[in-house]
Amino acid sequence: MLETLDAAAVHRWCGGGLAALRAHQHEIDELNVYPVPDGDTGTNLVLTLTSAQQALDEAPPLDAARRETPPAGSALRRMARGALLGARGNSGVIVSQILRGMADALAPAAAVRGAELARALRSATEAAYAAVARPVEGTVLSVVAAAADGAERLGSDDPVLVARAAARAAAEALARTPQQLPVLARAGVVDAGGRGLVLLLDALVEALTDAPVAAPIFSVGEAEVSEYFGYEVQYLLDSDDAAVAVLRETLDKLGDSLVLVGSGDGTWNVHVHVSSAQIGPAVEAGVAAGRPHRISVTPLEPSGPHAVEVTPAPTPGRAAVVVAAGDGLTALFEAEGATVVGRNPSIREMLEAITASGAGCVVLLPNDANTHAVATGAAREAEAAGVRVSVVPTRSPVQALAALAVRDPARPFADDVIAMAEAAGACRYGEVCTAQRDSLTVAGPCRAGDLLGLVDGEVHVIGADLEDVSRRLLDRMLGGGGELATLVLGADAPPALEGVLRGHVTQAWPFVELACYAGGQPRYHLLVGVE
């Protein structure tokens, strides 16, 4: 057993943690709260830690002949940076922030004993909570907080005892997550990201003791984690006192760092930090309150030793980077002048696409709620290199198509981003997919293999026939109004489906314009956009 945590132990920790996540990857991917085919938490964590391991492998080799023990801080910093660049999905981003918090706390320490390790876990907790707009208990956040509490309660200077206390407290907190989140309780599972963190903490104990830890087996599920307050929204507003009072309350719920001051002549200066998903609502709240003008949306710059190097000095111009899968969808987006990144990208891959565009102003369209945190992280890192990046919080490729359709290079970039965000927000999106597991949905119980029709991410239709579910989904969406419907057929959609749906819309909704495309996307048999 070690008396201090050194660089060699950090290397063993990363390797052991990666091995543990790989061993449980399928379990975490397959057992999920939601029936839609997107349970990638285990895969995302494995890919995130793989990048961290690669970063450590690229470091100069440890010199065993040197008498002094190499410090842990530099190795952990390299591990955290690798995890950041390789982070995929919300869980991967949060774990990268946990590692970053630990690295920040341990950077000045020559020898890491129990007290320093406990402080590092507290710093990791603070970094994790700061990384999300609205922390939700019953997620990985609760698990890392419990680990820090357990380490501090022990009050020991023995790093092995502190690591064991942290791992034990984390496992106990994981078992409590269903009591904190009703969606986990209904599914009878625990949080997937928290499960991954417990595995990592167990691996830390093993790295310090060279003894395997007997870890409990949990069913896992993943609750969605909110995004960063990564954007500064500012505008001048012509309005009256009563409307501004309502605006203040609205913006206070959307973000933080709210400043709303008046000049005395009916003009107000509005400033708020929001997540990418709340850029549009923050501007729309101003429209509801009066007449906003001089609107600007700016990514907040990263700071500190973990700002990532990106190729600087981009050429002037604009570009769009879109996340999509499928030959048809890729061709559609490329025809709109966008650069396409494959499904479930890492921060590194999005950064590479931003840099390759050579543009000074870039808009990111993530097209998936689980990719928003990755897009926001890439935007922050690119900003450090002088690239102006904004994220339009699209949750489906049909919203990205709507956003790209209103792009206008003659407009100021900030105004163009706002117009794209408003177009995406005005496009309701639907999906038809096959349920991956038994689940209880707002439309009733479903079984694995059932066809699901989702509207804005919620299951509204359950059935066994693709044509029937698709027609019912269209009726549900068009019943709420709409002038244009966009259909994107998936890779396994039968050839007759387009004709069936065209005939249905013509007969049932004769005043709706219809556009159909062969998207070739996996997992989703049909994507629907209604504007």
Protein backbone atom coordinates (compact mmCIF):
# COMPACT_ATOMS: atom_id res chain seq x y z
CA MET A 1 0.00 0.00 0.00
CA LEU A 2 1.17 3.53 -0.78
CA GLU A 3 1.71 6.32 1.69
CA THR A 4 1.14 8.94 -1.02
CA LEU A 5 -0.58 9.16 -4.40
CA ASP A 6 2.12 9.57 -7.06
CA ALA A 7 2.23 9.69 -10.85
CA ALA A 8 2.67 5.92 -11.14
CA ALA A 9 -0.51 5.41 -9.12
CA VAL A 10 -2.36 7.83 -11.41
CA HIS A 11 -1.27 5.74 -14.41
CA ARG A 12 -2.47 2.57 -12.67
CA TRP A 13 -5.74 4.28 -11.72
CA CYS A 14 -6.50 5.33 -15.28
CA GLY A 15 -5.70 1.88 -16.67
CA GLY A 16 -7.69 0.11 -13.98
CA GLY A 17 -10.63 2.45 -14.33
CA LEU A 18 -10.71 1.96 -18.09
CA ALA A 19 -10.60 -1.82 -17.68
CA ALA A 20 -13.48 -1.71 -15.18
CA LEU A 21 -15.60 0.46 -17.46
CA ARG A 22 -14.93 -1.84 -20.40
CA ALA A 23 -15.98 -4.83 -18.31
CA HIS A 24 -19.30 -3.16 -17.47
CA GLN A 25 -19.80 -1.27 -20.75
CA HIS A 26 -22.50 -3.54 -22.16
CA GLU A 27 -24.35 -3.63 -18.86
CA ILE A 28 -24.47 0.16 -18.63
CA ASP A 29 -25.43 0.58 -22.29
CA GLU A 30 -28.21 -1.99 -22.20
CA LEU A 31 -29.87 -1.10 -18.91
CA ASN A 32 -31.33 2.37 -19.29
CA VAL A 33 -34.33 4.29 -18.02
CA TYR A 34 -35.64 5.16 -21.46
CA PRO A 35 -36.75 2.73 -24.18
CA VAL A 36 -35.32 4.74 -27.11
CA PRO A 37 -32.14 3.31 -28.71
CA ASP A 38 -29.69 5.82 -27.23
CA GLY A 39 -28.37 4.08 -24.10
CA ASP A 40 -24.71 4.87 -24.74
CA THR A 41 -23.53 5.86 -21.26
CA GLY A 42 -21.13 2.93 -20.87
CA THR A 43 -19.67 3.43 -24.34
CA ASN A 44 -19.28 7.17 -23.78
CA LEU A 45 -17.42 6.64 -20.51
CA VAL A 46 -15.14 4.02 -22.07
CA LEU A 47 -14.27 6.34 -24.95
CA THR A 48 -13.68 9.24 -22.56
CA LEU A 49 -11.28 7.21 -20.39
CA THR A 50 -9.60 5.75 -23.49
CA SER A 51 -8.66 9.29 -24.50
CA ALA A 52 -7.37 9.95 -20.97
CA GLN A 53 -5.25 6.78 -21.14
CA GLN A 54 -3.83 7.82 -24.51
CA ALA A 55 -2.86 11.20 -23.09
CA LEU A 56 -0.98 9.49 -20.25
CA ASP A 57 0.70 7.08 -22.68
CA GLU A 58 2.01 10.04 -24.67
CA ALA A 59 3.68 11.52 -21.57
CA PRO A 60 7.46 11.10 -21.08
CA PRO A 61 8.15 7.76 -19.36
CA LEU A 62 8.54 7.77 -15.59
CA ASP A 63 12.18 7.58 -14.51
CA ALA A 64 12.39 4.71 -12.02
CA ALA A 65 16.00 5.55 -11.27
CA ARG A 66 15.10 8.90 -9.76
CA ARG A 67 14.90 8.82 -6.01
CA GLU A 68 12.10 11.30 -5.56
CA THR A 69 8.51 10.17 -6.10
CA PRO A 70 7.03 11.79 -9.23
CA PRO A 71 4.14 14.12 -8.31
CA ALA A 72 0.58 13.09 -9.04
CA GLY A 73 -0.60 16.55 -10.09
CA SER A 74 1.10 16.67 -13.49
CA ALA A 75 -0.06 13.16 -14.43
CA LEU A 76 -3.60 13.86 -13.29
CA ARG A 77 -3.61 17.10 -15.25
CA ARG A 78 -2.64 15.20 -18.39
CA MET A 79 -5.29 12.55 -17.66
CA ALA A 80 -7.95 15.24 -17.19
CA ARG A 81 -7.01 17.01 -20.40
CA GLY A 82 -7.18 13.78 -22.36
CA ALA A 83 -10.59 13.03 -20.86
CA LEU A 84 -11.82 16.50 -21.78
CA LEU A 85 -10.81 16.22 -25.44
CA GLY A 86 -12.22 12.69 -25.70
CA ALA A 87 -15.40 13.38 -23.71
CA ARG A 88 -18.57 12.05 -25.31
CA GLY A 89 -22.08 12.59 -24.04
CA ASN A 90 -23.16 14.29 -20.85
CA SER A 91 -21.64 11.59 -18.63
CA GLY A 92 -18.25 11.82 -20.32
CA VAL A 93 -18.18 15.60 -19.98
CA ILE A 94 -19.08 15.43 -16.27
CA VAL A 95 -16.39 12.82 -15.55
CA SER A 96 -13.82 14.97 -17.36
CA GLN A 97 -14.78 17.87 -15.09
CA ILE A 98 -14.41 15.67 -12.00
CA LEU A 99 -10.87 14.79 -13.08
CA ARG A 100 -10.15 18.43 -13.84
CA GLY A 101 -11.29 19.46 -10.36
CA MET A 102 -9.01 16.89 -8.79
CA ALA A 103 -6.07 17.99 -10.95
CA ASP A 104 -6.60 21.63 -10.01
CA ALA A 105 -6.52 20.78 -6.31
CA LEU A 106 -3.47 18.51 -6.53
CA ALA A 107 -1.38 20.63 -8.90
CA PRO A 108 0.64 22.37 -6.16
CA ALA A 109 1.04 19.31 -3.92
CA ALA A 110 4.44 17.63 -3.89
CA ALA A 111 3.09 14.62 -1.98
CA VAL A 112 -0.56 13.63 -1.97
CA ARG A 113 -1.64 12.10 1.31
CA GLY A 114 -5.14 11.54 2.65
CA ALA A 115 -5.91 15.17 3.47
CA GLU A 116 -4.92 16.32 -0.02
CA LEU A 117 -6.95 13.53 -1.63
CA ALA A 118 -10.03 14.54 0.36
CA ARG A 119 -9.57 18.16 -0.74
CA ALA A 120 -9.20 16.97 -4.34
CA LEU A 121 -12.51 15.11 -4.16
CA ARG A 122 -14.19 18.25 -2.79
CA SER A 123 -12.71 20.25 -5.68
CA ALA A 124 -13.96 17.57 -8.08
CA THR A 125 -17.46 17.94 -6.64
CA GLU A 126 -17.39 21.71 -7.06
CA ALA A 127 -16.18 21.38 -10.66
CA ALA A 128 -18.90 18.85 -11.48
CA TYR A 129 -21.70 20.98 -10.03
CA ALA A 130 -20.36 24.09 -11.76
CA ALA A 131 -20.44 22.24 -15.08
CA VAL A 132 -24.24 21.96 -15.20
CA ALA A 133 -26.81 24.70 -15.38
CA ARG A 134 -29.29 23.15 -12.95
CA PRO A 135 -27.80 20.37 -10.83
CA VAL A 136 -30.12 17.40 -10.35
CA GLU A 137 -29.77 15.15 -7.32
CA GLY A 138 -29.95 11.44 -7.95
CA THR A 139 -27.32 11.67 -10.68
CA VAL A 140 -23.54 11.36 -10.79
CA LEU A 141 -23.44 14.73 -9.00
CA SER A 142 -24.92 13.18 -5.85
CA VAL A 143 -22.44 10.33 -6.06
CA VAL A 144 -19.34 12.52 -6.31
CA ALA A 145 -20.61 14.77 -3.51
CA ALA A 146 -21.09 11.74 -1.26
CA ALA A 147 -17.57 10.55 -2.08
CA ALA A 148 -16.15 13.89 -0.97
CA ASP A 149 -18.27 13.85 2.19
CA GLY A 150 -17.09 10.34 3.06
CA ALA A 151 -13.44 11.26 2.52
CA GLU A 152 -13.71 14.37 4.69
CA ARG A 153 -15.62 12.63 7.49
CA LEU A 154 -12.87 10.07 7.90
CA GLY A 155 -10.33 12.78 8.75
CA SER A 156 -7.36 10.52 7.98
CA ASP A 157 -4.05 11.32 6.33
CA ASP A 158 -3.79 7.79 4.92
CA PRO A 159 -4.67 8.00 1.17
CA VAL A 160 -5.75 4.35 1.07
CA LEU A 161 -8.22 4.77 3.92
CA VAL A 162 -9.51 8.01 2.37
CA ALA A 163 -9.97 6.38 -1.04
CA ARG A 164 -11.81 3.46 0.54
CA ALA A 165 -14.09 5.79 2.49
CA ALA A 166 -14.85 7.77 -0.67
CA ALA A 167 -15.61 4.64 -2.70
CA ARG A 168 -17.85 3.24 0.04
CA ALA A 169 -19.79 6.49 0.40
CA ALA A 170 -20.16 6.73 -3.38
CA ALA A 171 -21.60 3.20 -3.61
CA GLU A 172 -24.08 4.00 -0.83
CA ALA A 173 -25.11 7.21 -2.60
CA LEU A 174 -25.57 5.32 -5.87
CA ALA A 175 -27.96 2.93 -4.15
CA ARG A 176 -29.99 5.95 -2.99
CA THR A 177 -30.37 7.54 -6.43
CA PRO A 178 -33.77 5.89 -7.12
CA GLN A 179 -35.09 7.59 -3.99
CA GLN A 180 -34.01 10.96 -5.38
CA LEU A 181 -35.20 10.64 -8.99
CA PRO A 182 -38.70 9.22 -9.59
CA VAL A 183 -37.81 8.20 -13.15
CA LEU A 184 -35.14 5.87 -11.73
CA ALA A 185 -37.49 4.50 -9.10
CA ARG A 186 -40.15 3.69 -11.71
CA ALA A 187 -37.62 1.79 -13.78
CA GLY A 188 -36.04 0.09 -10.74
CA VAL A 189 -32.51 1.21 -11.64
CA VAL A 190 -29.74 3.50 -10.43
CA ASP A 191 -27.98 6.31 -12.28
CA ALA A 192 -25.62 5.14 -15.03
CA GLY A 193 -23.12 7.99 -14.72
CA GLY A 194 -22.98 7.43 -10.97
CA ARG A 195 -22.35 3.73 -11.56
CA GLY A 196 -19.41 4.62 -13.77
CA LEU A 197 -17.98 6.92 -11.11
CA VAL A 198 -18.24 4.18 -8.46
CA LEU A 199 -16.21 1.92 -10.75
CA LEU A 200 -13.57 4.65 -11.11
CA LEU A 201 -13.32 5.18 -7.36
CA ASP A 202 -12.99 1.44 -6.80
CA ALA A 203 -10.18 1.49 -9.37
CA LEU A 204 -8.48 4.27 -7.38
CA VAL A 205 -8.47 2.04 -4.30
CA GLU A 206 -6.97 -0.79 -6.36
CA ALA A 207 -4.29 1.56 -7.73
CA LEU A 208 -3.27 2.47 -4.19
CA THR A 209 -3.38 -1.06 -2.76
CA ASP A 210 -2.87 -3.43 -5.70
CA ALA A 211 -5.87 -5.35 -4.30
CA PRO A 212 -9.14 -5.75 -6.25
CA VAL A 213 -12.24 -4.19 -4.74
CA ALA A 214 -15.45 -6.21 -4.54
CA ALA A 215 -17.98 -3.84 -6.03
CA PRO A 216 -21.76 -4.25 -5.81
CA ILE A 217 -23.68 -4.90 -9.01
CA PHE A 218 -26.37 -2.39 -9.84
CA SER A 219 -28.95 -1.98 -12.55
CA VAL A 220 -28.25 1.32 -14.21
CA GLY A 221 -30.08 4.16 -15.82
CA GLU A 222 -29.08 7.63 -16.85
CA ALA A 223 -30.87 10.84 -15.98
CA GLU A 224 -30.23 13.73 -18.29
CA VAL A 225 -27.65 16.22 -17.03
CA SER A 226 -28.11 19.88 -17.73
CA GLU A 227 -25.67 21.93 -19.78
CA TYR A 228 -23.18 24.62 -18.89
CA PHE A 229 -24.09 28.27 -18.39
CA GLY A 230 -21.70 28.72 -21.32
CA TYR A 231 -23.15 31.77 -23.12
CA GLU A 232 -23.51 35.44 -22.38
CA VAL A 233 -26.69 37.00 -23.79
CA GLN A 234 -26.89 40.80 -23.84
CA TYR A 235 -29.27 43.29 -25.37
CA LEU A 236 -30.82 46.70 -24.88
CA LEU A 237 -34.55 46.66 -24.22
CA ASP A 238 -37.19 49.34 -24.65
CA SER A 239 -39.86 48.45 -22.11
CA ASP A 240 -41.82 49.57 -19.05
CA ASP A 241 -41.26 48.72 -15.39
CA ALA A 242 -44.05 46.14 -15.14
CA ALA A 243 -42.87 44.12 -18.13
CA VAL A 244 -39.27 44.28 -16.93
CA ALA A 245 -40.29 42.86 -13.55
CA VAL A 246 -41.73 39.82 -15.33
CA LEU A 247 -38.62 39.59 -17.53
CA ARG A 248 -36.36 39.64 -14.47
CA GLU A 249 -38.23 36.69 -12.97
CA THR A 250 -38.11 34.77 -16.25
CA LEU A 251 -34.39 35.29 -16.86
CA ASP A 252 -33.55 34.44 -13.26
CA LYS A 253 -35.04 30.98 -13.90
CA LEU A 254 -33.20 30.56 -17.22
CA GLY A 255 -29.65 31.34 -16.12
CA ASP A 256 -27.37 33.15 -13.73
CA SER A 257 -25.20 36.33 -13.47
CA LEU A 258 -28.33 38.33 -14.28
CA VAL A 259 -27.90 42.09 -14.55
CA LEU A 260 -30.91 44.18 -15.56
CA VAL A 261 -30.54 47.94 -15.13
CA GLY A 262 -32.52 50.89 -16.48
CA SER A 263 -31.36 54.27 -17.76
CA GLY A 264 -34.49 56.09 -16.55
CA ASP A 265 -35.88 56.72 -20.04
CA GLY A 266 -37.47 53.32 -20.68
CA THR A 267 -34.32 51.65 -21.99
CA TRP A 268 -32.84 48.73 -20.05
CA ASN A 269 -29.51 46.93 -20.32
CA VAL A 270 -30.01 43.15 -20.05
CA HIS A 271 -27.18 40.71 -19.32
CA VAL A 272 -27.48 37.00 -18.38
CA HIS A 273 -25.42 33.80 -18.61
CA VAL A 274 -27.37 30.83 -19.99
CA SER A 275 -26.85 27.36 -21.42
CA SER A 276 -26.97 26.89 -25.17
CA ALA A 277 -30.52 25.54 -24.86
CA GLN A 278 -31.70 28.78 -23.23
CA ILE A 279 -30.25 31.30 -25.73
CA GLY A 280 -33.47 31.43 -27.74
CA PRO A 281 -35.78 31.60 -24.69
CA ALA A 282 -33.65 34.42 -23.20
CA VAL A 283 -34.09 36.49 -26.36
CA GLU A 284 -37.75 35.55 -26.74
CA ALA A 285 -38.37 36.73 -23.16
CA GLY A 286 -37.05 40.13 -24.22
CA VAL A 287 -39.38 40.18 -27.23
CA ALA A 288 -42.31 39.44 -24.90
CA ALA A 289 -41.26 42.30 -22.61
CA GLY A 290 -40.70 44.97 -25.22
CA ARG A 291 -38.34 45.76 -28.11
CA PRO A 292 -34.86 44.25 -27.77
CA HIS A 293 -32.04 45.61 -29.94
CA ARG A 294 -28.24 45.38 -30.18
CA ILE A 295 -28.53 41.69 -29.32
CA SER A 296 -25.30 39.73 -28.80
CA VAL A 297 -24.64 36.08 -27.91
CA THR A 298 -21.06 35.26 -26.88
CA PRO A 299 -19.52 31.99 -25.64
CA LEU A 300 -17.82 32.46 -22.28
CA GLU A 301 -14.07 31.91 -22.52
CA PRO A 302 -12.37 29.04 -20.69
CA SER A 303 -9.62 29.95 -18.26
CA GLY A 304 -6.91 28.30 -16.23
CA PRO A 305 -4.39 25.58 -17.07
CA HIS A 306 -6.95 23.35 -18.82
CA ALA A 307 -7.74 25.66 -21.70
CA VAL A 308 -7.09 23.39 -24.68
CA GLU A 309 -4.83 24.35 -27.54
CA VAL A 310 -6.57 24.60 -30.91
CA THR A 311 -4.97 25.71 -34.17
CA PRO A 312 -5.22 29.51 -34.01
CA ALA A 313 -5.63 32.27 -36.59
CA PRO A 314 -8.69 31.11 -38.54
CA THR A 315 -9.47 32.88 -41.77
CA PRO A 316 -12.50 35.19 -41.86
CA GLY A 317 -15.82 33.69 -42.83
CA ARG A 318 -18.56 31.53 -41.41
CA ALA A 319 -19.21 27.83 -41.18
CA ALA A 320 -21.69 25.39 -39.72
CA VAL A 321 -20.79 22.07 -38.10
CA VAL A 322 -23.63 19.55 -37.86
CA VAL A 323 -23.82 16.20 -36.06
CA ALA A 324 -25.57 13.59 -38.23
CA ALA A 325 -25.48 9.95 -39.34
CA GLY A 326 -26.67 8.49 -42.63
CA ASP A 327 -25.55 9.09 -46.22
CA GLY A 328 -28.73 10.94 -47.17
CA LEU A 329 -28.65 13.30 -44.20
CA THR A 330 -24.95 13.91 -44.71
CA ALA A 331 -25.59 14.86 -48.34
CA LEU A 332 -28.45 17.17 -47.32
CA PHE A 333 -26.32 19.05 -44.82
CA GLU A 334 -23.32 19.24 -47.12
CA ALA A 335 -25.57 20.68 -49.81
CA GLU A 336 -26.36 23.45 -47.30
CA GLY A 337 -22.63 24.13 -46.95
CA ALA A 338 -22.26 22.47 -43.54
CA THR A 339 -19.48 20.25 -42.25
CA VAL A 340 -20.86 16.96 -40.92
CA VAL A 341 -19.49 15.14 -37.86
CA GLY A 342 -20.67 11.59 -37.20
CA ARG A 343 -23.06 10.58 -34.45
CA ASN A 344 -21.92 10.85 -30.82
CA PRO A 345 -18.72 12.85 -31.45
CA SER A 346 -16.07 13.72 -28.89
CA ILE A 347 -15.02 17.27 -28.05
CA ARG A 348 -11.80 16.59 -29.97
CA GLU A 349 -13.72 15.60 -33.13
CA MET A 350 -15.89 18.71 -32.97
CA LEU A 351 -12.81 20.87 -32.43
CA GLU A 352 -11.15 19.30 -35.45
CA ALA A 353 -14.21 20.07 -37.58
CA ILE A 354 -14.26 23.68 -36.34
CA THR A 355 -10.57 24.10 -37.11
CA ALA A 356 -10.84 22.39 -40.50
CA SER A 357 -13.55 24.81 -41.56
CA GLY A 358 -11.02 27.65 -41.45
CA ALA A 359 -13.80 30.04 -40.47
CA GLY A 360 -13.68 32.78 -37.88
CA CYS A 361 -17.36 32.32 -36.90
CA VAL A 362 -18.84 28.85 -36.54
CA VAL A 363 -22.27 27.63 -35.50
CA LEU A 364 -22.65 24.13 -34.02
CA LEU A 365 -25.82 22.06 -34.45
CA PRO A 366 -25.62 19.02 -32.10
CA ASN A 367 -28.99 17.44 -33.07
CA ASP A 368 -29.14 15.39 -29.86
CA ALA A 369 -29.65 16.38 -26.22
CA ASN A 370 -26.79 14.11 -25.18
CA THR A 371 -24.39 15.95 -27.51
CA HIS A 372 -25.19 19.46 -26.25
CA ALA A 373 -22.59 19.36 -23.47
CA VAL A 374 -19.96 18.14 -25.93
CA ALA A 375 -20.81 20.95 -28.37
CA THR A 376 -20.66 23.50 -25.57
CA GLY A 377 -17.28 22.17 -24.45
CA ALA A 378 -15.94 22.35 -28.00
CA ALA A 379 -17.22 25.92 -28.34
CA ARG A 380 -15.41 26.95 -25.16
CA GLU A 381 -12.12 25.44 -26.28
CA ALA A 382 -12.35 26.90 -29.80
CA GLU A 383 -13.03 30.34 -28.34
CA ALA A 384 -9.62 30.17 -26.62
CA ALA A 385 -8.03 30.04 -30.08
CA GLY A 386 -9.94 33.08 -31.31
CA VAL A 387 -12.76 31.28 -33.14
CA ARG A 388 -16.20 32.67 -32.42
CA VAL A 389 -18.53 29.72 -31.88
CA SER A 390 -22.21 29.55 -30.99
CA VAL A 391 -24.33 26.47 -30.32
CA VAL A 392 -27.87 26.32 -31.66
CA PRO A 393 -29.48 23.72 -29.37
CA THR A 394 -31.03 21.45 -31.99
CA ARG A 395 -32.32 18.09 -30.75
CA SER A 396 -33.06 16.53 -34.15
CA PRO A 397 -31.67 16.78 -37.69
CA VAL A 398 -35.00 18.22 -38.88
CA GLN A 399 -34.46 21.20 -36.57
CA ALA A 400 -30.98 21.65 -38.02
CA LEU A 401 -32.46 21.68 -41.54
CA ALA A 402 -34.89 24.39 -40.44
CA ALA A 403 -32.06 26.40 -38.86
CA LEU A 404 -29.78 26.18 -41.91
CA ALA A 405 -32.63 27.24 -44.20
CA VAL A 406 -32.72 30.73 -42.63
CA ARG A 407 -28.96 31.36 -42.60
CA ASP A 408 -28.05 34.73 -44.09
CA PRO A 409 -24.36 35.70 -44.37
CA ALA A 410 -25.40 39.32 -44.87
CA ARG A 411 -26.63 39.49 -41.27
CA PRO A 412 -24.32 40.06 -38.30
CA PHE A 413 -23.24 36.68 -36.93
CA ALA A 414 -25.06 37.09 -33.60
CA ASP A 415 -28.30 38.00 -35.39
CA ASP A 416 -27.90 35.02 -37.69
CA VAL A 417 -27.44 32.67 -34.72
CA ILE A 418 -30.59 34.06 -33.10
CA ALA A 419 -32.57 33.59 -36.33
CA MET A 420 -31.34 30.00 -36.59
CA ALA A 421 -32.20 29.30 -32.96
CA GLU A 422 -35.70 30.70 -33.43
CA ALA A 423 -36.22 28.62 -36.61
CA ALA A 424 -35.06 25.47 -34.82
CA GLY A 425 -37.25 26.21 -31.82
CA ALA A 426 -40.29 26.73 -34.08
CA CYS A 427 -39.80 23.26 -35.61
CA ARG A 428 -41.48 20.52 -33.60
CA TYR A 429 -39.71 17.21 -34.11
CA GLY A 430 -40.91 13.63 -34.10
CA GLU A 431 -39.26 10.23 -34.38
CA VAL A 432 -40.26 6.62 -34.94
CA CYS A 433 -37.96 3.99 -33.46
CA THR A 434 -38.02 0.49 -32.01
CA ALA A 435 -38.15 0.18 -28.22
CA GLN A 436 -34.97 -1.37 -26.85
CA ARG A 437 -36.44 -2.46 -23.51
CA ASP A 438 -39.64 -2.73 -21.55
CA SER A 439 -40.58 0.62 -20.05
CA LEU A 440 -43.39 2.77 -18.70
CA THR A 441 -43.96 5.84 -20.90
CA VAL A 442 -46.40 8.75 -20.85
CA ALA A 443 -48.35 6.85 -23.53
CA GLY A 444 -48.49 3.71 -21.42
CA PRO A 445 -46.28 0.63 -21.04
CA CYS A 446 -44.19 -0.57 -23.97
CA ARG A 447 -42.34 -3.80 -24.61
CA ALA A 448 -38.96 -4.30 -26.23
CA GLY A 449 -39.58 -4.49 -29.98
CA ASP A 450 -42.62 -2.20 -29.98
CA LEU A 451 -42.58 0.74 -32.37
CA LEU A 452 -42.59 4.12 -30.64
CA GLY A 453 -43.69 7.47 -32.01
CA LEU A 454 -42.08 10.35 -30.10
CA VAL A 455 -42.92 14.06 -30.18
CA ASP A 456 -40.26 16.41 -28.82
CA GLY A 457 -38.60 13.49 -27.05
CA GLU A 458 -41.71 12.04 -25.34
CA VAL A 459 -43.44 8.83 -26.39
CA HIS A 460 -46.93 9.58 -27.73
CA VAL A 461 -47.69 6.54 -29.91
CA ILE A 462 -47.04 2.82 -29.31
CA GLY A 463 -47.79 0.16 -31.91
CA ALA A 464 -46.63 -2.82 -33.94
CA ASP A 465 -47.01 -1.58 -37.54
CA LEU A 466 -44.61 1.04 -38.94
CA GLU A 467 -47.11 2.59 -41.36
CA ASP A 468 -49.80 2.84 -38.67
CA VAL A 469 -47.46 4.35 -36.05
CA SER A 470 -46.07 6.82 -38.61
CA ARG A 471 -49.55 7.97 -39.68
CA ARG A 472 -50.69 8.39 -36.08
CA LEU A 473 -47.54 10.34 -35.26
CA LEU A 474 -48.13 12.70 -38.19
CA ASP A 475 -51.74 13.23 -37.14
CA ARG A 476 -50.65 13.97 -33.57
CA MET A 477 -48.12 16.54 -34.75
CA LEU A 478 -50.17 18.19 -37.51
CA GLY A 479 -53.19 18.37 -35.23
CA GLY A 480 -51.34 21.09 -33.34
CA GLY A 481 -50.98 23.19 -36.49
CA GLY A 482 -48.31 23.51 -39.13
CA GLU A 483 -47.78 24.50 -42.76
CA LEU A 484 -44.73 22.44 -43.69
CA ALA A 485 -43.95 18.82 -42.76
CA THR A 486 -40.51 17.33 -43.44
CA LEU A 487 -40.08 13.55 -43.48
CA VAL A 488 -36.64 11.90 -43.35
CA LEU A 489 -36.73 8.14 -43.98
CA GLY A 490 -34.28 5.91 -42.11
CA ALA A 491 -31.90 3.26 -43.41
CA ASP A 492 -34.34 0.40 -42.81
CA ALA A 493 -37.57 2.16 -43.84
CA PRO A 494 -39.44 0.11 -46.48
CA PRO A 495 -39.61 1.66 -49.97
CA ALA A 496 -43.41 1.95 -49.83
CA LEU A 497 -43.44 4.08 -46.65
CA GLU A 498 -42.94 7.41 -48.42
CA GLY A 499 -45.88 6.81 -50.78
CA VAL A 500 -48.14 5.73 -47.93
CA LEU A 501 -47.37 8.85 -45.89
CA ARG A 502 -47.65 11.18 -48.89
CA GLY A 503 -51.08 9.77 -49.63
CA HIS A 504 -52.16 10.13 -46.00
CA VAL A 505 -51.05 13.77 -45.74
CA THR A 506 -52.68 14.65 -49.07
CA GLN A 507 -56.00 13.21 -47.94
CA ALA A 508 -56.04 14.16 -44.25
CA TRP A 509 -54.04 17.41 -44.33
CA PRO A 510 -54.47 18.85 -47.85
CA PHE A 511 -53.14 22.32 -46.98
CA VAL A 512 -49.83 21.05 -45.57
CA GLU A 513 -46.76 21.22 -47.81
CA LEU A 514 -44.74 18.00 -47.61
CA ALA A 515 -41.02 17.41 -48.23
CA CYS A 516 -39.58 13.87 -48.13
CA TYR A 517 -35.91 12.80 -48.06
CA ALA A 518 -34.06 9.49 -47.86
CA GLY A 519 -31.86 10.19 -44.85
CA GLY A 520 -30.39 6.73 -44.36
CA GLN A 521 -30.04 7.36 -40.61
CA PRO A 522 -29.68 4.33 -38.31
CA ARG A 523 -31.91 3.62 -35.30
CA TYR A 524 -34.75 5.93 -36.31
CA HIS A 525 -37.06 4.63 -39.04
CA LEU A 526 -38.58 8.08 -39.56
CA LEU A 527 -37.81 11.66 -38.55
CA VAL A 528 -40.56 14.28 -38.77
CA GLY A 529 -40.33 18.06 -38.59
CA VAL A 530 -43.39 20.33 -38.50
CA GLU A 531 -43.09 24.09 -38.98
